[in-house]
Amino acid sequence: MEMQKLTAEYGDENDIVSWMELVHTVSNHFPGLETEESMNEHKCTVLKFMNEQRAICVKDNNRVVGVLLFSKKHNMICCLAVLPEYRERGIASMLLNTALNCLDRTKIITVSTYRQGDGKGIAARALYKKFGFVEGELIEEFGYPNQRFVLNP
């Protein structure tokens, strides 16, 4: 079976069903997505980000296999996820690279991820460090202990 070359592109409303299927698949790794209500709120957020071209995805044919949301206003990466069977193929790096090119590199860029020692965060922390992010303050989001990572200008 031939692998098609995967590329990052802005997601739009036509991608929302496949996007949310990915979110459901990885939701156990994202505090704040435990309930149907929180999933519906997230879907509304994704659609808003799509309308403002702040939602990037990688698709294999029409299946969304990687997603990233970013905020220009806060100069931050908001959410990054890749389907488990598509990991270790450079998709997260492709998404992050695309987003960083949309953000203001003359200012600090932030992302929040798991704390050191949290098994869920091993890959994410390694990815952000590879891109030059450094560990910042310890924070809590949705009642879960996280850490801010900072990319200096």
C-alpha atoms as a PDB file:
ATOM      1  CA  MET A   1       0.000   0.000   0.000  1.00  0.00           C
ATOM      2  CA  GLU A   2       1.485   3.310  -1.074  1.00  0.00           C
ATOM      3  CA  MET A   3       1.681   6.081   1.515  1.00  0.00           C
ATOM      4  CA  GLN A   4       0.465   9.424   0.296  1.00  0.00           C
ATOM      5  CA  LYS A   5       2.618  12.415   1.228  1.00  0.00           C
ATOM      6  CA  LEU A   6       0.978  14.042   4.227  1.00  0.00           C
ATOM      7  CA  THR A   7       0.866  17.834   4.531  1.00  0.00           C
ATOM      8  CA  ALA A   8      -0.426  20.304   7.085  1.00  0.00           C
ATOM      9  CA  GLU A   9      -3.316  22.545   6.056  1.00  0.00           C
ATOM     10  CA  TYR A  10      -5.961  24.715   7.643  1.00  0.00           C
ATOM     11  CA  GLY A  11      -8.936  22.689   8.800  1.00  0.00           C
ATOM     12  CA  ASP A  12     -12.435  23.764   7.812  1.00  0.00           C
ATOM     13  CA  GLU A  13     -16.002  22.786   8.648  1.00  0.00           C
ATOM     14  CA  ASN A  14     -15.838  19.828   6.240  1.00  0.00           C
ATOM     15  CA  ASP A  15     -13.178  18.311   8.528  1.00  0.00           C
ATOM     16  CA  ILE A  16     -15.091  18.638  11.826  1.00  0.00           C
ATOM     17  CA  VAL A  17     -16.501  15.088  11.993  1.00  0.00           C
ATOM     18  CA  SER A  18     -13.124  13.468  11.336  1.00  0.00           C
ATOM     19  CA  TRP A  19     -11.387  16.042  13.613  1.00  0.00           C
ATOM     20  CA  MET A  20     -13.712  15.203  16.505  1.00  0.00           C
ATOM     21  CA  GLU A  21     -13.222  11.451  15.912  1.00  0.00           C
ATOM     22  CA  LEU A  22      -9.508  12.057  16.512  1.00  0.00           C
ATOM     23  CA  VAL A  23     -10.289  14.116  19.638  1.00  0.00           C
ATOM     24  CA  HIS A  24     -12.498  11.296  20.988  1.00  0.00           C
ATOM     25  CA  THR A  25      -9.687   8.791  20.353  1.00  0.00           C
ATOM     26  CA  VAL A  26      -7.096  10.793  22.332  1.00  0.00           C
ATOM     27  CA  SER A  27      -9.409  12.498  24.870  1.00  0.00           C
ATOM     28  CA  ASN A  28      -8.053  10.413  27.772  1.00  0.00           C
ATOM     29  CA  HIS A  29      -4.791  12.356  27.317  1.00  0.00           C
ATOM     30  CA  PHE A  30      -6.476  15.755  27.568  1.00  0.00           C
ATOM     31  CA  PRO A  31      -7.866  16.932  30.920  1.00  0.00           C
ATOM     32  CA  GLY A  32     -11.098  18.831  30.402  1.00  0.00           C
ATOM     33  CA  LEU A  33     -12.533  16.504  27.736  1.00  0.00           C
ATOM     34  CA  GLU A  34     -14.082  13.924  30.065  1.00  0.00           C
ATOM     35  CA  THR A  35     -17.771  14.650  29.467  1.00  0.00           C
ATOM     36  CA  GLU A  36     -20.064  14.868  26.454  1.00  0.00           C
ATOM     37  CA  GLU A  37     -20.732  18.501  27.400  1.00  0.00           C
ATOM     38  CA  SER A  38     -17.007  19.333  27.404  1.00  0.00           C
ATOM     39  CA  MET A  39     -16.628  17.562  24.041  1.00  0.00           C
ATOM     40  CA  ASN A  40     -19.458  19.679  22.587  1.00  0.00           C
ATOM     41  CA  GLU A  41     -17.808  22.836  23.943  1.00  0.00           C
ATOM     42  CA  HIS A  42     -14.512  21.734  22.390  1.00  0.00           C
ATOM     43  CA  LYS A  43     -16.240  21.148  19.044  1.00  0.00           C
ATOM     44  CA  CYS A  44     -17.605  24.732  19.139  1.00  0.00           C
ATOM     45  CA  THR A  45     -14.107  25.999  19.945  1.00  0.00           C
ATOM     46  CA  VAL A  46     -12.596  24.027  17.045  1.00  0.00           C
ATOM     47  CA  LEU A  47     -15.201  25.415  14.616  1.00  0.00           C
ATOM     48  CA  LYS A  48     -14.433  28.953  15.827  1.00  0.00           C
ATOM     49  CA  PHE A  49     -10.697  28.363  15.350  1.00  0.00           C
ATOM     50  CA  MET A  50     -11.382  26.886  11.880  1.00  0.00           C
ATOM     51  CA  ASN A  51     -13.323  30.010  10.858  1.00  0.00           C
ATOM     52  CA  GLU A  52     -10.371  32.164  11.978  1.00  0.00           C
ATOM     53  CA  GLN A  53      -7.734  29.936  10.295  1.00  0.00           C
ATOM     54  CA  ARG A  54      -6.191  28.965  13.627  1.00  0.00           C
ATOM     55  CA  ALA A  55      -6.857  25.217  13.253  1.00  0.00           C
ATOM     56  CA  ILE A  56      -4.290  23.125  11.385  1.00  0.00           C
ATOM     57  CA  CYS A  57      -4.656  19.484  10.501  1.00  0.00           C
ATOM     58  CA  VAL A  58      -2.883  16.701   8.667  1.00  0.00           C
ATOM     59  CA  LYS A  59      -5.100  14.362   6.676  1.00  0.00           C
ATOM     60  CA  ASP A  60      -4.518  10.919   5.186  1.00  0.00           C
ATOM     61  CA  ASN A  61      -6.959  11.026   2.296  1.00  0.00           C
ATOM     62  CA  ASN A  62      -9.928  12.660   4.067  1.00  0.00           C
ATOM     63  CA  ARG A  63      -9.188  11.282   7.527  1.00  0.00           C
ATOM     64  CA  VAL A  64      -7.826  13.825   9.998  1.00  0.00           C
ATOM     65  CA  VAL A  65      -4.797  12.167  11.645  1.00  0.00           C
ATOM     66  CA  GLY A  66      -3.185  15.160  13.398  1.00  0.00           C
ATOM     67  CA  VAL A  67      -4.568  18.436  14.775  1.00  0.00           C
ATOM     68  CA  LEU A  68      -3.276  21.675  16.249  1.00  0.00           C
ATOM     69  CA  LEU A  69      -5.051  24.792  17.516  1.00  0.00           C
ATOM     70  CA  PHE A  70      -3.142  28.030  18.085  1.00  0.00           C
ATOM     71  CA  SER A  71      -3.889  31.528  19.340  1.00  0.00           C
ATOM     72  CA  LYS A  72      -2.339  34.576  17.685  1.00  0.00           C
ATOM     73  CA  LYS A  73      -3.802  36.815  20.398  1.00  0.00           C
ATOM     74  CA  HIS A  74      -1.989  34.902  23.164  1.00  0.00           C
ATOM     75  CA  ASN A  75       0.887  33.717  20.916  1.00  0.00           C
ATOM     76  CA  MET A  76       0.414  30.140  22.051  1.00  0.00           C
ATOM     77  CA  ILE A  77      -0.111  26.552  20.980  1.00  0.00           C
ATOM     78  CA  CYS A  78      -3.476  25.539  22.463  1.00  0.00           C
ATOM     79  CA  CYS A  79      -3.826  21.894  21.545  1.00  0.00           C
ATOM     80  CA  LEU A  80      -1.782  19.327  19.592  1.00  0.00           C
ATOM     81  CA  ALA A  81      -2.743  15.703  19.009  1.00  0.00           C
ATOM     82  CA  VAL A  82      -1.917  12.876  16.608  1.00  0.00           C
ATOM     83  CA  LEU A  83      -3.747   9.558  16.243  1.00  0.00           C
ATOM     84  CA  PRO A  84      -1.758   6.791  17.966  1.00  0.00           C
ATOM     85  CA  GLU A  85      -1.247   4.772  14.770  1.00  0.00           C
ATOM     86  CA  TYR A  86       0.208   7.860  13.011  1.00  0.00           C
ATOM     87  CA  ARG A  87       2.715   8.825  15.701  1.00  0.00           C
ATOM     88  CA  GLU A  88       6.475   8.854  15.092  1.00  0.00           C
ATOM     89  CA  ARG A  89       5.998   9.905  11.450  1.00  0.00           C
ATOM     90  CA  GLY A  90       6.837  13.592  11.899  1.00  0.00           C
ATOM     91  CA  ILE A  91       3.208  14.727  11.916  1.00  0.00           C
ATOM     92  CA  ALA A  92       3.458  16.575  15.248  1.00  0.00           C
ATOM     93  CA  SER A  93       6.622  18.352  14.043  1.00  0.00           C
ATOM     94  CA  MET A  94       4.892  19.292  10.787  1.00  0.00           C
ATOM     95  CA  LEU A  95       1.908  20.739  12.700  1.00  0.00           C
ATOM     96  CA  LEU A  96       4.113  22.598  15.183  1.00  0.00           C
ATOM     97  CA  ASN A  97       6.335  24.023  12.436  1.00  0.00           C
ATOM     98  CA  THR A  98       3.285  25.291  10.537  1.00  0.00           C
ATOM     99  CA  ALA A  99       1.818  26.909  13.655  1.00  0.00           C
ATOM    100  CA  LEU A 100       5.110  28.536  14.676  1.00  0.00           C
ATOM    101  CA  ASN A 101       5.260  30.142  11.222  1.00  0.00           C
ATOM    102  CA  CYS A 102       1.841  31.724  11.947  1.00  0.00           C
ATOM    103  CA  LEU A 103       2.838  33.090  15.362  1.00  0.00           C
ATOM    104  CA  ASP A 104       4.960  36.109  16.296  1.00  0.00           C
ATOM    105  CA  ARG A 105       8.514  34.773  16.646  1.00  0.00           C
ATOM    106  CA  THR A 106       9.696  38.143  18.033  1.00  0.00           C
ATOM    107  CA  LYS A 107       7.692  37.445  21.214  1.00  0.00           C
ATOM    108  CA  ILE A 108       7.505  34.563  23.692  1.00  0.00           C
ATOM    109  CA  ILE A 109       5.411  31.608  22.467  1.00  0.00           C
ATOM    110  CA  THR A 110       3.915  29.325  25.114  1.00  0.00           C
ATOM    111  CA  VAL A 111       2.352  25.892  25.307  1.00  0.00           C
ATOM    112  CA  SER A 112       1.126  23.952  28.288  1.00  0.00           C
ATOM    113  CA  THR A 113       1.901  20.260  28.637  1.00  0.00           C
ATOM    114  CA  TYR A 114       2.318  17.571  31.239  1.00  0.00           C
ATOM    115  CA  ARG A 115       4.800  17.864  34.067  1.00  0.00           C
ATOM    116  CA  GLN A 116       8.042  15.935  34.157  1.00  0.00           C
ATOM    117  CA  GLY A 117       7.433  12.410  35.420  1.00  0.00           C
ATOM    118  CA  ASP A 118       3.916  12.231  33.946  1.00  0.00           C
ATOM    119  CA  GLY A 119       3.988   9.338  31.474  1.00  0.00           C
ATOM    120  CA  LYS A 120       1.392  11.027  29.269  1.00  0.00           C
ATOM    121  CA  GLY A 121       3.813  13.862  28.551  1.00  0.00           C
ATOM    122  CA  ILE A 122       7.004  12.090  27.521  1.00  0.00           C
ATOM    123  CA  ALA A 123       6.521  12.515  23.746  1.00  0.00           C
ATOM    124  CA  ALA A 124       5.048  16.028  23.991  1.00  0.00           C
ATOM    125  CA  ARG A 125       7.830  17.326  26.246  1.00  0.00           C
ATOM    126  CA  ALA A 126      10.477  15.845  23.931  1.00  0.00           C
ATOM    127  CA  LEU A 127       8.822  17.462  20.899  1.00  0.00           C
ATOM    128  CA  TYR A 128       8.651  20.917  22.467  1.00  0.00           C
ATOM    129  CA  LYS A 129      12.253  20.689  23.694  1.00  0.00           C
ATOM    130  CA  LYS A 130      13.355  19.669  20.167  1.00  0.00           C
ATOM    131  CA  PHE A 131      11.824  22.933  18.912  1.00  0.00           C
ATOM    132  CA  GLY A 132      13.668  24.982  21.556  1.00  0.00           C
ATOM    133  CA  PHE A 133      10.930  25.368  24.162  1.00  0.00           C
ATOM    134  CA  VAL A 134      12.183  25.478  27.751  1.00  0.00           C
ATOM    135  CA  GLU A 135      10.398  24.535  30.958  1.00  0.00           C
ATOM    136  CA  GLY A 136       8.425  27.336  32.548  1.00  0.00           C
ATOM    137  CA  GLU A 137       6.110  27.643  35.524  1.00  0.00           C
ATOM    138  CA  LEU A 138       4.137  24.777  37.009  1.00  0.00           C
ATOM    139  CA  ILE A 139       0.414  25.346  36.449  1.00  0.00           C
ATOM    140  CA  GLU A 140      -2.891  23.557  36.839  1.00  0.00           C
ATOM    141  CA  GLU A 141      -5.508  23.246  34.086  1.00  0.00           C
ATOM    142  CA  PHE A 142      -8.906  21.557  34.439  1.00  0.00           C
ATOM    143  CA  GLY A 143      -7.716  20.458  37.898  1.00  0.00           C
ATOM    144  CA  TYR A 144      -4.707  18.648  36.384  1.00  0.00           C
ATOM    145  CA  PRO A 145      -1.039  19.460  37.136  1.00  0.00           C
ATOM    146  CA  ASN A 146       0.669  20.824  34.012  1.00  0.00           C
ATOM    147  CA  GLN A 147       3.694  22.884  33.090  1.00  0.00           C
ATOM    148  CA  ARG A 148       4.056  25.846  30.790  1.00  0.00           C
ATOM    149  CA  PHE A 149       6.773  25.564  28.161  1.00  0.00           C
ATOM    150  CA  VAL A 150       8.222  28.748  26.670  1.00  0.00           C
ATOM    151  CA  LEU A 151       9.863  29.419  23.307  1.00  0.00           C
ATOM    152  CA  ASN A 152      11.913  32.577  23.631  1.00  0.00           C
ATOM    153  CA  PRO A 153      12.294  34.951  20.649  1.00  0.00           C
END
